[in-house]
Amino acid sequence: MREIVTSPNAVTLDRARRARFAPQLHSPVSNLNRTGT
């Protein structure tokens, strides 16, 4: 997925990825919702 990093959509995907990798930074509740479905 490194080849599509230049795409504007890739930037959005990267942001979503970072939010998933560190959801606790955004909201602890989100972290619980993601891990404890």
Protein backbone atom coordinates (compact mmCIF):
# COMPACT_ATOMS: atom_id res chain seq x y z
CA MET A 1 0.00 0.00 0.00
CA ARG A 2 3.08 2.18 -0.05
CA GLU A 3 2.65 2.86 -3.75
CA ILE A 4 -0.68 4.62 -3.24
CA VAL A 5 0.62 6.92 -0.50
CA THR A 6 0.62 9.77 -3.00
CA SER A 7 -3.12 9.42 -3.49
CA PRO A 8 -5.38 11.84 -1.57
CA ASN A 9 -7.48 8.86 -0.55
CA ALA A 10 -4.38 7.19 0.89
CA VAL A 11 -3.99 10.13 3.25
CA THR A 12 -7.51 9.55 4.54
CA LEU A 13 -6.77 5.85 4.94
CA ASP A 14 -3.58 6.70 6.81
CA ARG A 15 -5.53 8.91 9.19
CA ALA A 16 -8.08 6.18 9.80
CA ARG A 17 -5.25 3.72 10.34
CA ARG A 18 -3.59 5.92 12.94
CA ALA A 19 -6.94 6.38 14.67
CA ARG A 20 -7.30 2.60 14.85
CA PHE A 21 -3.75 2.02 16.01
CA ALA A 22 -4.07 4.63 18.74
CA PRO A 23 -7.80 5.09 19.39
CA GLN A 24 -7.13 5.77 23.06
CA LEU A 25 -5.57 9.07 22.02
CA HIS A 26 -8.87 10.12 20.50
CA SER A 27 -11.25 8.48 22.92
CA PRO A 28 -10.95 5.61 25.43
CA VAL A 29 -14.54 4.66 24.65
CA SER A 30 -13.64 4.13 20.99
CA ASN A 31 -10.88 1.78 22.06
CA LEU A 32 -13.32 -0.29 24.10
CA ASN A 33 -15.82 -0.33 21.25
CA ARG A 34 -13.22 -1.56 18.76
CA THR A 35 -11.64 -4.24 20.93
CA GLY A 36 -14.72 -5.34 22.86
CA THR A 37 -17.28 -5.80 20.15
